[in-house]
Every structure is written in C-alpha cells, then in structure tokens.
Amino acid sequence: MELKWLEWAKQMQAIAQTGLTYTKDVYDIERYEQLRQMSIEIMMNYTLVSQEKIALTFASDSGYATPKVDIRGVIFKENKILLVREKLDGAWALPGGWADIGYSPSEIAVKEVKEESGFDVAPVRLLAVLDKKFHDHPPEPYHVYKFFILCKIVGGEATVGVETSAVDFFEMDQLPELSAERNTKKQIQTLFEFLENPNKEIILD
C-alpha cells in the first residue's frame, strides 16, 4: 500500500490541477496554487529530488488530473518470458513504457517491444489492468494504471534498444533481478498463470 504522505501529496496535486483548470475566481486560483505548492513541498521533504524537478515532473500538468498509463508487452517462448535489461537501473523488465498520445494500447505494446527488444510482435489479448498502488512497487509521484498485453512474435530478432542493454527469455524459477519500478516478481508469476491457462480471465486491479 502507498505511504500516506505520498497519497496525500498526489491527492493535493490532483485537486489543485483540476481546480486550476476550471476555476475563474482569482482568489480560488491563488488557493489552488498554494495547495499545489504544498504538494511540492511534501514531495521535496520526503525525497531527495529538488523542488525545481518536482515542479516540472510532478506539478506541471494542466487539465483534469488523470492517472498515467504504463503498457507492457508479454511474450512467451518455449515456456519462458521475454525480459529486457533497463539501462537506468541495470535490472530486468517486461518491454514497455508510458502510453503515447495517438497510439492505441495494442499499438504501444507492439512499438515498445520492437524498440526495446528488436522483435516484431502482434497483439493477442489483454491479460491484466493493475493499479500500481496495490502492488509492491517503490513510491513514485504518479498514480499509474499498468496494462499487460499478450503478444506473439512474428519477426525480428533480439536487439538492444536506446533504453535497454540486454534481451533474453527466462523461466519462472530463474528470473533475474527485476526492475521493481516496472514490474514485480508476483506480477511475473501471475502472467505465467496465463501460459498454463490461456482461458484465464482478465485481471483487474
């Protein structure tokens, strides 16, 4: 479960962002700006990130506040799962990343798998939509929904990308160090259940 201070900071930022989007009253604008500044100060006091960076990445959005979407491609081959090693932390993850505007979830999965692993894939089905706050990920400033989309290889070959340094397939009992920010061991275990039972129902939350 999320740390309380992080939950409060996210909620304060969302309220401020949405309020600034719709209010016309100058006094309300001032109050929402103060609320946004308080959310920045909470993040700044409980993390090692500078106020300037927090303001740019955490409290710079406009419009109605909504969760961010992280999409991961799930590819099995010979009872092994495809993982890529992230350059940022040297750990392994399902290929994927933030959803881009203008692309469908399936298109994002195909695009990210190609860019990070070199494989050409075709989407097969949605396996799970998870709220990141319910899972054992490190604290982060965003509210994130994670989409896991099963794909099949139709071409290409294992090739590292700009953000990856290795590509490989792993059995469930031989997983490497996982990038906890991107996926957890429990999530990978759950995905292997779909390999054993292709008719398993989609998982929500």
N, C-alpha and C. Protein backbone atom coordinates (compact mmCIF):
# COMPACT_ATOMS: atom_id res chain seq x y z
N MET A 1 0.84 -1.20 0.00
CA MET A 1 0.00 0.00 0.00
C MET A 1 0.88 1.25 0.00
N GLU A 2 0.35 2.34 -0.53
CA GLU A 2 1.11 3.58 -0.61
C GLU A 2 1.40 4.17 0.75
N LEU A 3 2.52 4.88 0.86
CA LEU A 3 2.81 5.67 2.04
C LEU A 3 1.79 6.80 2.11
N LYS A 4 1.37 7.13 3.34
CA LYS A 4 0.33 8.14 3.49
C LYS A 4 0.74 9.50 2.94
N TRP A 5 2.00 9.91 3.20
CA TRP A 5 2.43 11.22 2.73
C TRP A 5 2.40 11.30 1.21
N LEU A 6 2.72 10.18 0.55
CA LEU A 6 2.71 10.16 -0.90
C LEU A 6 1.28 10.22 -1.43
N GLU A 7 0.38 9.48 -0.78
CA GLU A 7 -1.02 9.51 -1.16
C GLU A 7 -1.60 10.92 -1.02
N TRP A 8 -1.27 11.59 0.11
CA TRP A 8 -1.78 12.95 0.33
C TRP A 8 -1.22 13.92 -0.71
N ALA A 9 0.07 13.81 -1.00
CA ALA A 9 0.68 14.71 -1.97
C ALA A 9 0.04 14.54 -3.35
N LYS A 10 -0.21 13.29 -3.76
CA LYS A 10 -0.85 13.04 -5.05
C LYS A 10 -2.26 13.63 -5.10
N GLN A 11 -3.01 13.42 -4.02
CA GLN A 11 -4.38 13.91 -3.98
C GLN A 11 -4.41 15.44 -4.00
N MET A 12 -3.51 16.06 -3.25
CA MET A 12 -3.44 17.52 -3.22
C MET A 12 -3.10 18.08 -4.60
N GLN A 13 -2.12 17.44 -5.25
CA GLN A 13 -1.73 17.88 -6.59
C GLN A 13 -2.88 17.73 -7.58
N ALA A 14 -3.61 16.61 -7.50
CA ALA A 14 -4.74 16.38 -8.42
C ALA A 14 -5.85 17.41 -8.19
N ILE A 15 -6.16 17.68 -6.93
CA ILE A 15 -7.20 18.68 -6.62
C ILE A 15 -6.78 20.05 -7.13
N ALA A 16 -5.52 20.41 -6.90
CA ALA A 16 -5.03 21.72 -7.35
C ALA A 16 -5.05 21.83 -8.86
N GLN A 17 -4.59 20.79 -9.54
CA GLN A 17 -4.54 20.82 -11.01
C GLN A 17 -5.92 20.94 -11.61
N THR A 18 -6.86 20.14 -11.12
CA THR A 18 -8.22 20.20 -11.63
C THR A 18 -8.88 21.53 -11.29
N GLY A 19 -8.65 22.03 -10.07
CA GLY A 19 -9.22 23.32 -9.68
C GLY A 19 -8.71 24.45 -10.54
N LEU A 20 -7.42 24.44 -10.84
CA LEU A 20 -6.84 25.49 -11.69
C LEU A 20 -7.38 25.42 -13.11
N THR A 21 -7.81 24.24 -13.52
CA THR A 21 -8.35 24.08 -14.87
C THR A 21 -9.71 24.74 -15.02
N TYR A 22 -10.53 24.64 -13.98
CA TYR A 22 -11.92 25.05 -14.13
C TYR A 22 -12.29 26.37 -13.44
N THR A 23 -11.54 26.78 -12.44
CA THR A 23 -11.94 27.98 -11.71
C THR A 23 -11.62 29.25 -12.49
N LYS A 24 -12.46 30.25 -12.31
CA LYS A 24 -12.25 31.57 -12.92
C LYS A 24 -12.00 32.63 -11.86
N ASP A 25 -12.26 32.27 -10.60
CA ASP A 25 -12.14 33.21 -9.50
C ASP A 25 -10.66 33.40 -9.13
N VAL A 26 -10.20 34.64 -9.06
CA VAL A 26 -8.77 34.90 -8.80
C VAL A 26 -8.36 34.41 -7.42
N TYR A 27 -9.28 34.47 -6.46
CA TYR A 27 -8.95 34.02 -5.11
C TYR A 27 -8.83 32.50 -5.05
N ASP A 28 -9.70 31.81 -5.79
CA ASP A 28 -9.61 30.36 -5.86
C ASP A 28 -8.33 29.93 -6.57
N ILE A 29 -7.96 30.65 -7.61
CA ILE A 29 -6.71 30.35 -8.32
C ILE A 29 -5.53 30.43 -7.35
N GLU A 30 -5.54 31.47 -6.52
CA GLU A 30 -4.46 31.65 -5.55
C GLU A 30 -4.43 30.49 -4.56
N ARG A 31 -5.61 30.05 -4.11
CA ARG A 31 -5.67 28.95 -3.14
C ARG A 31 -5.21 27.64 -3.76
N TYR A 32 -5.60 27.38 -5.01
CA TYR A 32 -5.17 26.15 -5.68
C TYR A 32 -3.66 26.16 -5.93
N GLU A 33 -3.12 27.32 -6.23
CA GLU A 33 -1.67 27.43 -6.41
C GLU A 33 -0.96 27.14 -5.09
N GLN A 34 -1.53 27.60 -3.99
CA GLN A 34 -0.96 27.31 -2.68
C GLN A 34 -1.02 25.83 -2.38
N LEU A 35 -2.13 25.20 -2.72
CA LEU A 35 -2.28 23.76 -2.50
C LEU A 35 -1.27 22.98 -3.33
N ARG A 36 -1.07 23.40 -4.57
CA ARG A 36 -0.08 22.73 -5.43
C ARG A 36 1.32 22.90 -4.84
N GLN A 37 1.63 24.09 -4.33
CA GLN A 37 2.94 24.33 -3.73
C GLN A 37 3.14 23.45 -2.50
N MET A 38 2.08 23.25 -1.73
CA MET A 38 2.18 22.38 -0.56
C MET A 38 2.48 20.94 -0.97
N SER A 39 1.87 20.49 -2.07
CA SER A 39 2.13 19.12 -2.54
C SER A 39 3.60 18.99 -2.97
N ILE A 40 4.14 20.03 -3.58
CA ILE A 40 5.55 20.03 -3.98
C ILE A 40 6.45 19.96 -2.76
N GLU A 41 6.12 20.72 -1.72
CA GLU A 41 6.93 20.76 -0.51
C GLU A 41 6.90 19.42 0.22
N ILE A 42 5.75 18.74 0.20
CA ILE A 42 5.68 17.41 0.80
C ILE A 42 6.63 16.46 0.07
N MET A 43 6.58 16.45 -1.25
CA MET A 43 7.46 15.59 -2.04
C MET A 43 8.92 15.94 -1.81
N MET A 44 9.21 17.23 -1.73
CA MET A 44 10.59 17.69 -1.57
C MET A 44 11.15 17.26 -0.21
N ASN A 45 10.30 17.30 0.84
CA ASN A 45 10.77 17.00 2.18
C ASN A 45 10.93 15.50 2.44
N TYR A 46 10.26 14.67 1.67
CA TYR A 46 10.33 13.23 1.88
C TYR A 46 11.13 12.50 0.82
N THR A 47 11.68 13.24 -0.14
CA THR A 47 12.51 12.63 -1.17
C THR A 47 13.79 13.46 -1.31
N LEU A 48 14.69 12.99 -2.16
CA LEU A 48 15.94 13.71 -2.42
C LEU A 48 15.89 14.50 -3.72
N VAL A 49 14.69 14.61 -4.30
CA VAL A 49 14.53 15.31 -5.57
C VAL A 49 14.38 16.81 -5.32
N SER A 50 14.99 17.61 -6.18
CA SER A 50 14.95 19.07 -6.00
C SER A 50 13.55 19.62 -6.25
N GLN A 51 13.28 20.80 -5.67
CA GLN A 51 11.98 21.44 -5.84
C GLN A 51 11.71 21.74 -7.31
N GLU A 52 12.75 22.17 -8.03
CA GLU A 52 12.58 22.51 -9.45
C GLU A 52 12.16 21.29 -10.27
N LYS A 53 12.81 20.15 -10.01
CA LYS A 53 12.49 18.94 -10.76
C LYS A 53 11.10 18.44 -10.42
N ILE A 54 10.75 18.50 -9.14
CA ILE A 54 9.41 18.08 -8.74
C ILE A 54 8.35 18.94 -9.40
N ALA A 55 8.59 20.26 -9.42
CA ALA A 55 7.63 21.18 -10.04
C ALA A 55 7.45 20.87 -11.52
N LEU A 56 8.53 20.46 -12.19
CA LEU A 56 8.46 20.19 -13.62
C LEU A 56 7.81 18.85 -13.93
N THR A 57 8.12 17.82 -13.14
CA THR A 57 7.64 16.47 -13.46
C THR A 57 6.36 16.09 -12.74
N PHE A 58 6.18 16.61 -11.53
CA PHE A 58 5.05 16.20 -10.72
C PHE A 58 3.90 17.20 -10.76
N ALA A 59 4.22 18.49 -10.84
CA ALA A 59 3.19 19.51 -10.69
C ALA A 59 3.17 20.50 -11.85
N SER A 60 3.41 20.01 -13.06
CA SER A 60 3.41 20.91 -14.22
C SER A 60 2.28 20.63 -15.19
N ASP A 61 1.53 19.55 -14.97
CA ASP A 61 0.43 19.22 -15.88
C ASP A 61 -0.72 20.22 -15.72
N SER A 62 -1.53 20.27 -16.76
CA SER A 62 -2.75 21.09 -16.70
C SER A 62 -3.92 20.23 -17.17
N GLY A 63 -5.12 20.75 -17.00
CA GLY A 63 -6.30 19.99 -17.36
C GLY A 63 -6.74 19.10 -16.22
N TYR A 64 -7.80 18.35 -16.45
CA TYR A 64 -8.33 17.46 -15.41
C TYR A 64 -7.29 16.38 -15.09
N ALA A 65 -7.00 16.20 -13.81
CA ALA A 65 -5.97 15.24 -13.40
C ALA A 65 -6.45 13.81 -13.61
N THR A 66 -5.67 13.01 -14.30
CA THR A 66 -5.99 11.60 -14.55
C THR A 66 -4.74 10.75 -14.33
N PRO A 67 -4.90 9.44 -14.10
CA PRO A 67 -3.73 8.56 -13.94
C PRO A 67 -2.92 8.46 -15.22
N LYS A 68 -1.63 8.15 -15.07
CA LYS A 68 -0.78 7.84 -16.21
C LYS A 68 -0.95 6.37 -16.55
N VAL A 69 -0.62 6.00 -17.79
CA VAL A 69 -0.81 4.62 -18.25
C VAL A 69 0.53 4.03 -18.68
N ASP A 70 0.87 2.88 -18.09
CA ASP A 70 2.09 2.15 -18.41
C ASP A 70 1.67 0.85 -19.11
N ILE A 71 2.22 0.60 -20.28
CA ILE A 71 1.82 -0.57 -21.07
C ILE A 71 3.01 -1.51 -21.25
N ARG A 72 2.80 -2.80 -20.95
CA ARG A 72 3.85 -3.80 -21.04
C ARG A 72 3.46 -4.93 -21.99
N GLY A 73 4.37 -5.32 -22.85
CA GLY A 73 4.16 -6.45 -23.74
C GLY A 73 4.59 -7.74 -23.07
N VAL A 74 3.75 -8.76 -23.14
CA VAL A 74 4.04 -10.06 -22.51
C VAL A 74 4.23 -11.09 -23.62
N ILE A 75 5.45 -11.61 -23.73
CA ILE A 75 5.78 -12.56 -24.80
C ILE A 75 6.38 -13.82 -24.21
N PHE A 76 5.80 -14.97 -24.54
CA PHE A 76 6.32 -16.26 -24.09
C PHE A 76 6.93 -17.01 -25.28
N LYS A 77 7.99 -17.76 -24.98
CA LYS A 77 8.62 -18.61 -25.98
C LYS A 77 9.23 -19.81 -25.27
N GLU A 78 8.78 -20.98 -25.63
CA GLU A 78 9.29 -22.22 -25.03
C GLU A 78 9.19 -22.16 -23.51
N ASN A 79 8.03 -21.73 -23.03
CA ASN A 79 7.74 -21.65 -21.59
C ASN A 79 8.63 -20.65 -20.84
N LYS A 80 9.17 -19.71 -21.57
CA LYS A 80 9.97 -18.65 -20.96
C LYS A 80 9.35 -17.29 -21.33
N ILE A 81 9.62 -16.28 -20.50
CA ILE A 81 9.06 -14.95 -20.72
C ILE A 81 10.16 -13.98 -21.17
N LEU A 82 9.82 -13.09 -22.08
CA LEU A 82 10.76 -12.12 -22.61
C LEU A 82 10.95 -10.96 -21.63
N LEU A 83 12.21 -10.68 -21.28
CA LEU A 83 12.54 -9.53 -20.45
C LEU A 83 13.69 -8.76 -21.09
N VAL A 84 13.76 -7.48 -20.79
CA VAL A 84 14.85 -6.64 -21.27
C VAL A 84 15.53 -5.99 -20.07
N ARG A 85 16.83 -5.78 -20.17
CA ARG A 85 17.56 -5.15 -19.06
C ARG A 85 17.59 -3.63 -19.28
N GLU A 86 17.07 -2.91 -18.30
CA GLU A 86 16.97 -1.46 -18.38
C GLU A 86 18.32 -0.80 -18.09
N LYS A 87 18.73 0.13 -18.92
CA LYS A 87 19.98 0.85 -18.69
C LYS A 87 19.92 1.70 -17.44
N LEU A 88 18.73 2.21 -17.11
CA LEU A 88 18.61 3.14 -15.97
C LEU A 88 18.98 2.50 -14.64
N ASP A 89 18.56 1.25 -14.42
CA ASP A 89 18.86 0.63 -13.13
C ASP A 89 19.58 -0.72 -13.25
N GLY A 90 19.83 -1.19 -14.48
CA GLY A 90 20.54 -2.44 -14.66
C GLY A 90 19.73 -3.68 -14.34
N ALA A 91 18.44 -3.49 -14.06
CA ALA A 91 17.56 -4.62 -13.74
C ALA A 91 16.65 -4.94 -14.93
N TRP A 92 15.87 -6.01 -14.79
CA TRP A 92 15.11 -6.53 -15.92
C TRP A 92 13.62 -6.24 -15.82
N ALA A 93 13.00 -6.08 -16.98
CA ALA A 93 11.58 -5.74 -17.01
C ALA A 93 10.94 -6.26 -18.29
N LEU A 94 9.61 -6.38 -18.25
CA LEU A 94 8.86 -6.60 -19.48
C LEU A 94 9.04 -5.39 -20.38
N PRO A 95 9.21 -5.57 -21.68
CA PRO A 95 9.33 -4.41 -22.56
C PRO A 95 8.06 -3.57 -22.51
N GLY A 96 8.24 -2.25 -22.45
CA GLY A 96 7.08 -1.38 -22.38
C GLY A 96 7.43 0.00 -21.87
N GLY A 97 6.41 0.80 -21.62
CA GLY A 97 6.63 2.16 -21.14
C GLY A 97 5.34 2.96 -21.13
N TRP A 98 5.47 4.28 -20.99
CA TRP A 98 4.31 5.17 -20.94
C TRP A 98 3.55 5.12 -22.26
N ALA A 99 2.24 5.22 -22.17
CA ALA A 99 1.40 5.28 -23.37
C ALA A 99 1.61 6.62 -24.07
N ASP A 100 1.73 6.58 -25.39
CA ASP A 100 1.89 7.80 -26.19
C ASP A 100 0.55 8.21 -26.79
N ILE A 101 0.31 9.50 -26.81
CA ILE A 101 -0.91 10.02 -27.42
C ILE A 101 -0.91 9.70 -28.92
N GLY A 102 -2.05 9.25 -29.42
CA GLY A 102 -2.16 8.92 -30.84
C GLY A 102 -2.02 7.44 -31.13
N TYR A 103 -1.65 6.66 -30.10
CA TYR A 103 -1.50 5.21 -30.28
C TYR A 103 -2.51 4.48 -29.39
N SER A 104 -3.02 3.36 -29.87
CA SER A 104 -3.88 2.51 -29.05
C SER A 104 -2.99 1.71 -28.10
N PRO A 105 -3.57 1.11 -27.04
CA PRO A 105 -2.76 0.28 -26.15
C PRO A 105 -2.00 -0.83 -26.89
N SER A 106 -2.68 -1.50 -27.82
CA SER A 106 -2.01 -2.57 -28.57
C SER A 106 -0.86 -2.03 -29.41
N GLU A 107 -1.07 -0.88 -30.02
CA GLU A 107 -0.01 -0.26 -30.83
C GLU A 107 1.19 0.12 -29.98
N ILE A 108 0.92 0.58 -28.76
CA ILE A 108 2.02 0.91 -27.85
C ILE A 108 2.82 -0.34 -27.51
N ALA A 109 2.13 -1.43 -27.19
CA ALA A 109 2.81 -2.68 -26.86
C ALA A 109 3.71 -3.13 -28.00
N VAL A 110 3.18 -3.12 -29.22
CA VAL A 110 3.97 -3.52 -30.40
C VAL A 110 5.17 -2.61 -30.57
N LYS A 111 4.95 -1.32 -30.45
CA LYS A 111 6.02 -0.33 -30.64
C LYS A 111 7.12 -0.48 -29.58
N GLU A 112 6.72 -0.63 -28.32
CA GLU A 112 7.70 -0.72 -27.24
C GLU A 112 8.51 -2.02 -27.32
N VAL A 113 7.85 -3.12 -27.65
CA VAL A 113 8.56 -4.39 -27.77
C VAL A 113 9.61 -4.29 -28.88
N LYS A 114 9.25 -3.70 -30.00
CA LYS A 114 10.20 -3.55 -31.11
C LYS A 114 11.38 -2.68 -30.71
N GLU A 115 11.08 -1.54 -30.08
CA GLU A 115 12.14 -0.60 -29.73
C GLU A 115 13.08 -1.14 -28.65
N GLU A 116 12.54 -1.93 -27.72
CA GLU A 116 13.35 -2.36 -26.59
C GLU A 116 13.95 -3.75 -26.75
N SER A 117 13.36 -4.59 -27.62
CA SER A 117 13.87 -5.96 -27.74
C SER A 117 14.26 -6.36 -29.16
N GLY A 118 13.77 -5.62 -30.15
CA GLY A 118 14.08 -5.96 -31.54
C GLY A 118 13.07 -6.87 -32.20
N PHE A 119 12.15 -7.45 -31.44
CA PHE A 119 11.19 -8.39 -32.00
C PHE A 119 9.97 -7.67 -32.57
N ASP A 120 9.49 -8.18 -33.70
CA ASP A 120 8.21 -7.73 -34.25
C ASP A 120 7.14 -8.63 -33.64
N VAL A 121 6.10 -8.03 -33.08
CA VAL A 121 5.06 -8.82 -32.43
C VAL A 121 3.68 -8.37 -32.89
N ALA A 122 2.71 -9.25 -32.66
CA ALA A 122 1.30 -8.94 -32.91
C ALA A 122 0.55 -9.11 -31.60
N PRO A 123 -0.33 -8.18 -31.26
CA PRO A 123 -1.09 -8.30 -30.02
C PRO A 123 -2.08 -9.45 -30.09
N VAL A 124 -2.27 -10.15 -28.97
CA VAL A 124 -3.18 -11.29 -28.91
C VAL A 124 -4.38 -10.98 -28.03
N ARG A 125 -4.12 -10.58 -26.78
CA ARG A 125 -5.22 -10.27 -25.87
C ARG A 125 -4.70 -9.49 -24.66
N LEU A 126 -5.62 -8.81 -24.00
CA LEU A 126 -5.32 -8.12 -22.75
C LEU A 126 -5.32 -9.15 -21.62
N LEU A 127 -4.26 -9.11 -20.79
CA LEU A 127 -4.18 -10.04 -19.67
C LEU A 127 -4.58 -9.40 -18.34
N ALA A 128 -4.17 -8.15 -18.14
CA ALA A 128 -4.43 -7.53 -16.84
C ALA A 128 -4.36 -6.01 -16.94
N VAL A 129 -5.15 -5.36 -16.10
CA VAL A 129 -5.06 -3.92 -15.87
C VAL A 129 -4.93 -3.74 -14.36
N LEU A 130 -3.78 -3.25 -13.91
CA LEU A 130 -3.49 -3.16 -12.48
C LEU A 130 -3.28 -1.72 -12.06
N ASP A 131 -3.77 -1.39 -10.88
CA ASP A 131 -3.49 -0.10 -10.26
C ASP A 131 -2.19 -0.27 -9.49
N LYS A 132 -1.19 0.50 -9.85
CA LYS A 132 0.15 0.30 -9.29
C LYS A 132 0.21 0.45 -7.77
N LYS A 133 -0.72 1.23 -7.22
CA LYS A 133 -0.68 1.48 -5.77
C LYS A 133 -0.98 0.22 -4.96
N PHE A 134 -1.60 -0.79 -5.57
CA PHE A 134 -1.93 -2.02 -4.87
C PHE A 134 -0.80 -3.05 -4.92
N HIS A 135 0.31 -2.69 -5.53
CA HIS A 135 1.39 -3.65 -5.73
C HIS A 135 2.70 -3.13 -5.13
N ASP A 136 3.63 -4.04 -4.98
CA ASP A 136 4.85 -3.75 -4.21
C ASP A 136 5.90 -3.05 -5.06
N HIS A 137 5.54 -1.84 -5.52
CA HIS A 137 6.48 -1.01 -6.27
C HIS A 137 7.07 0.06 -5.36
N PRO A 138 8.24 0.61 -5.69
CA PRO A 138 8.77 1.74 -4.91
C PRO A 138 7.82 2.94 -5.03
N PRO A 139 7.81 3.83 -4.03
CA PRO A 139 6.97 5.03 -4.10
C PRO A 139 7.32 5.89 -5.32
N GLU A 140 6.30 6.49 -5.93
CA GLU A 140 6.53 7.41 -7.04
C GLU A 140 5.42 8.46 -7.04
N PRO A 141 5.65 9.60 -7.71
CA PRO A 141 4.70 10.71 -7.61
C PRO A 141 3.43 10.57 -8.43
N TYR A 142 3.36 9.56 -9.31
CA TYR A 142 2.21 9.45 -10.20
C TYR A 142 1.26 8.34 -9.77
N HIS A 143 0.00 8.50 -10.12
CA HIS A 143 -0.98 7.42 -9.99
C HIS A 143 -0.97 6.70 -11.34
N VAL A 144 -0.65 5.41 -11.33
CA VAL A 144 -0.38 4.70 -12.58
C VAL A 144 -1.26 3.47 -12.74
N TYR A 145 -1.84 3.31 -13.93
CA TYR A 145 -2.50 2.07 -14.33
C TYR A 145 -1.55 1.30 -15.24
N LYS A 146 -1.39 0.00 -15.00
CA LYS A 146 -0.50 -0.82 -15.80
C LYS A 146 -1.31 -1.80 -16.65
N PHE A 147 -1.09 -1.77 -17.96
CA PHE A 147 -1.74 -2.69 -18.90
C PHE A 147 -0.72 -3.76 -19.30
N PHE A 148 -1.12 -5.03 -19.20
CA PHE A 148 -0.27 -6.13 -19.64
C PHE A 148 -0.95 -6.80 -20.83
N ILE A 149 -0.29 -6.76 -22.00
CA ILE A 149 -0.88 -7.24 -23.24
C ILE A 149 -0.06 -8.41 -23.79
N LEU A 150 -0.71 -9.56 -23.93
CA LEU A 150 -0.06 -10.73 -24.50
C LEU A 150 0.19 -10.50 -25.99
N CYS A 151 1.41 -10.80 -26.43
CA CYS A 151 1.78 -10.64 -27.84
C CYS A 151 2.49 -11.90 -28.32
N LYS A 152 2.49 -12.09 -29.63
CA LYS A 152 3.23 -13.21 -30.22
C LYS A 152 4.26 -12.68 -31.20
N ILE A 153 5.40 -13.35 -31.24
CA ILE A 153 6.48 -12.93 -32.14
C ILE A 153 6.14 -13.30 -33.58
N VAL A 154 6.28 -12.34 -34.48
CA VAL A 154 6.01 -12.58 -35.90
C VAL A 154 7.24 -12.27 -36.77
N GLY A 155 8.31 -11.80 -36.14
CA GLY A 155 9.51 -11.48 -36.89
C GLY A 155 10.54 -10.78 -36.03
N GLY A 156 11.60 -10.32 -36.67
CA GLY A 156 12.66 -9.62 -35.95
C GLY A 156 13.59 -10.56 -35.22
N GLU A 157 14.53 -9.98 -34.49
CA GLU A 157 15.48 -10.76 -33.70
C GLU A 157 15.89 -9.94 -32.49
N ALA A 158 16.43 -10.62 -31.48
CA ALA A 158 16.81 -9.95 -30.24
C ALA A 158 17.86 -8.89 -30.49
N THR A 159 17.50 -7.63 -30.21
CA THR A 159 18.39 -6.49 -30.42
C THR A 159 18.14 -5.47 -29.33
N VAL A 160 19.18 -4.98 -28.69
CA VAL A 160 19.00 -3.97 -27.64
C VAL A 160 18.57 -2.65 -28.26
N GLY A 161 17.92 -1.82 -27.44
CA GLY A 161 17.46 -0.52 -27.89
C GLY A 161 18.17 0.61 -27.17
N VAL A 162 17.68 1.81 -27.34
CA VAL A 162 18.27 3.00 -26.73
C VAL A 162 18.22 2.91 -25.20
N GLU A 163 17.14 2.31 -24.66
CA GLU A 163 16.96 2.26 -23.21
C GLU A 163 17.29 0.90 -22.61
N THR A 164 17.71 -0.06 -23.45
CA THR A 164 17.97 -1.42 -22.95
C THR A 164 19.38 -1.87 -23.29
N SER A 165 19.93 -2.78 -22.44
CA SER A 165 21.30 -3.25 -22.66
C SER A 165 21.38 -4.76 -22.87
N ALA A 166 20.25 -5.47 -22.75
CA ALA A 166 20.24 -6.91 -22.99
C ALA A 166 18.80 -7.38 -23.20
N VAL A 167 18.67 -8.48 -23.92
CA VAL A 167 17.36 -9.07 -24.22
C VAL A 167 17.47 -10.58 -24.01
N ASP A 168 16.52 -11.18 -23.28
CA ASP A 168 16.61 -12.62 -23.05
C ASP A 168 15.26 -13.18 -22.61
N PHE A 169 15.14 -14.51 -22.64
CA PHE A 169 13.94 -15.20 -22.16
C PHE A 169 14.29 -15.96 -20.88
N PHE A 170 13.35 -15.97 -19.92
CA PHE A 170 13.62 -16.58 -18.62
C PHE A 170 12.47 -17.48 -18.18
N GLU A 171 12.85 -18.58 -17.53
CA GLU A 171 11.86 -19.44 -16.89
C GLU A 171 11.43 -18.80 -15.57
N MET A 172 10.27 -19.21 -15.07
CA MET A 172 9.73 -18.59 -13.86
C MET A 172 10.67 -18.75 -12.67
N ASP A 173 11.31 -19.92 -12.55
CA ASP A 173 12.17 -20.17 -11.39
C ASP A 173 13.61 -19.72 -11.60
N GLN A 174 13.85 -19.00 -12.71
CA GLN A 174 15.21 -18.50 -12.97
C GLN A 174 15.18 -17.02 -13.37
N LEU A 175 14.28 -16.27 -12.76
CA LEU A 175 14.17 -14.85 -13.08
C LEU A 175 15.40 -14.08 -12.60
N PRO A 176 15.84 -13.10 -13.37
CA PRO A 176 16.96 -12.25 -12.94
C PRO A 176 16.45 -11.19 -11.97
N GLU A 177 17.34 -10.30 -11.54
CA GLU A 177 16.92 -9.18 -10.70
C GLU A 177 15.93 -8.32 -11.49
N LEU A 178 14.75 -8.11 -10.93
CA LEU A 178 13.71 -7.36 -11.63
C LEU A 178 13.74 -5.89 -11.27
N SER A 179 13.36 -5.06 -12.23
CA SER A 179 13.23 -3.62 -12.01
C SER A 179 11.91 -3.39 -11.29
N ALA A 180 11.97 -3.22 -9.98
CA ALA A 180 10.76 -3.13 -9.15
C ALA A 180 9.88 -1.96 -9.53
N GLU A 181 10.46 -0.92 -10.09
CA GLU A 181 9.65 0.22 -10.52
C GLU A 181 8.73 -0.17 -11.66
N ARG A 182 9.14 -1.15 -12.46
CA ARG A 182 8.41 -1.51 -13.68
C ARG A 182 7.57 -2.77 -13.54
N ASN A 183 8.07 -3.76 -12.80
CA ASN A 183 7.31 -4.98 -12.59
C ASN A 183 7.82 -5.71 -11.36
N THR A 184 6.93 -6.49 -10.75
CA THR A 184 7.30 -7.23 -9.55
C THR A 184 7.32 -8.73 -9.85
N LYS A 185 7.95 -9.47 -8.96
CA LYS A 185 8.01 -10.93 -9.15
C LYS A 185 6.61 -11.52 -9.11
N LYS A 186 5.77 -11.01 -8.23
CA LYS A 186 4.41 -11.52 -8.13
C LYS A 186 3.65 -11.29 -9.42
N GLN A 187 3.86 -10.13 -10.06
CA GLN A 187 3.19 -9.87 -11.35
C GLN A 187 3.67 -10.84 -12.42
N ILE A 188 4.96 -11.10 -12.46
CA ILE A 188 5.50 -12.05 -13.44
C ILE A 188 4.93 -13.44 -13.19
N GLN A 189 4.84 -13.83 -11.91
CA GLN A 189 4.25 -15.12 -11.57
C GLN A 189 2.81 -15.21 -12.06
N THR A 190 2.07 -14.13 -11.89
CA THR A 190 0.68 -14.10 -12.34
C THR A 190 0.60 -14.24 -13.85
N LEU A 191 1.51 -13.60 -14.57
CA LEU A 191 1.50 -13.70 -16.02
C LEU A 191 1.79 -15.13 -16.48
N PHE A 192 2.65 -15.85 -15.77
CA PHE A 192 2.93 -17.24 -16.11
C PHE A 192 1.68 -18.11 -15.96
N GLU A 193 0.74 -17.69 -15.12
CA GLU A 193 -0.51 -18.44 -14.98
C GLU A 193 -1.31 -18.44 -16.28
N PHE A 194 -1.16 -17.37 -17.07
CA PHE A 194 -1.84 -17.31 -18.36
C PHE A 194 -1.21 -18.29 -19.35
N LEU A 195 0.08 -18.57 -19.17
CA LEU A 195 0.75 -19.56 -20.02
C LEU A 195 0.20 -20.95 -19.73
N GLU A 196 -0.06 -21.22 -18.46
CA GLU A 196 -0.61 -22.52 -18.05
C GLU A 196 -2.10 -22.63 -18.36
N ASN A 197 -2.79 -21.49 -18.31
CA ASN A 197 -4.24 -21.48 -18.54
C ASN A 197 -4.60 -20.33 -19.48
N PRO A 198 -4.55 -20.55 -20.79
CA PRO A 198 -4.81 -19.48 -21.77
C PRO A 198 -6.21 -18.87 -21.64
N ASN A 199 -7.13 -19.57 -21.00
CA ASN A 199 -8.50 -19.06 -20.85
C ASN A 199 -8.71 -18.31 -19.54
N LYS A 200 -7.66 -18.10 -18.80
CA LYS A 200 -7.75 -17.36 -17.54
C LYS A 200 -8.35 -15.99 -17.79
N GLU A 201 -9.26 -15.57 -16.91
CA GLU A 201 -9.95 -14.29 -17.09
C GLU A 201 -8.99 -13.11 -16.89
N ILE A 202 -9.31 -12.00 -17.53
CA ILE A 202 -8.56 -10.77 -17.38
C ILE A 202 -8.56 -10.34 -15.91
N ILE A 203 -7.41 -9.88 -15.43
CA ILE A 203 -7.28 -9.44 -14.05
C ILE A 203 -7.44 -7.92 -13.99
N LEU A 204 -8.28 -7.44 -13.08
CA LEU A 204 -8.47 -6.01 -12.88
C LEU A 204 -8.05 -5.62 -11.47
N ASP A 205 -7.22 -4.57 -11.37
CA ASP A 205 -6.72 -4.03 -10.10
C ASP A 205 -5.75 -4.96 -9.39
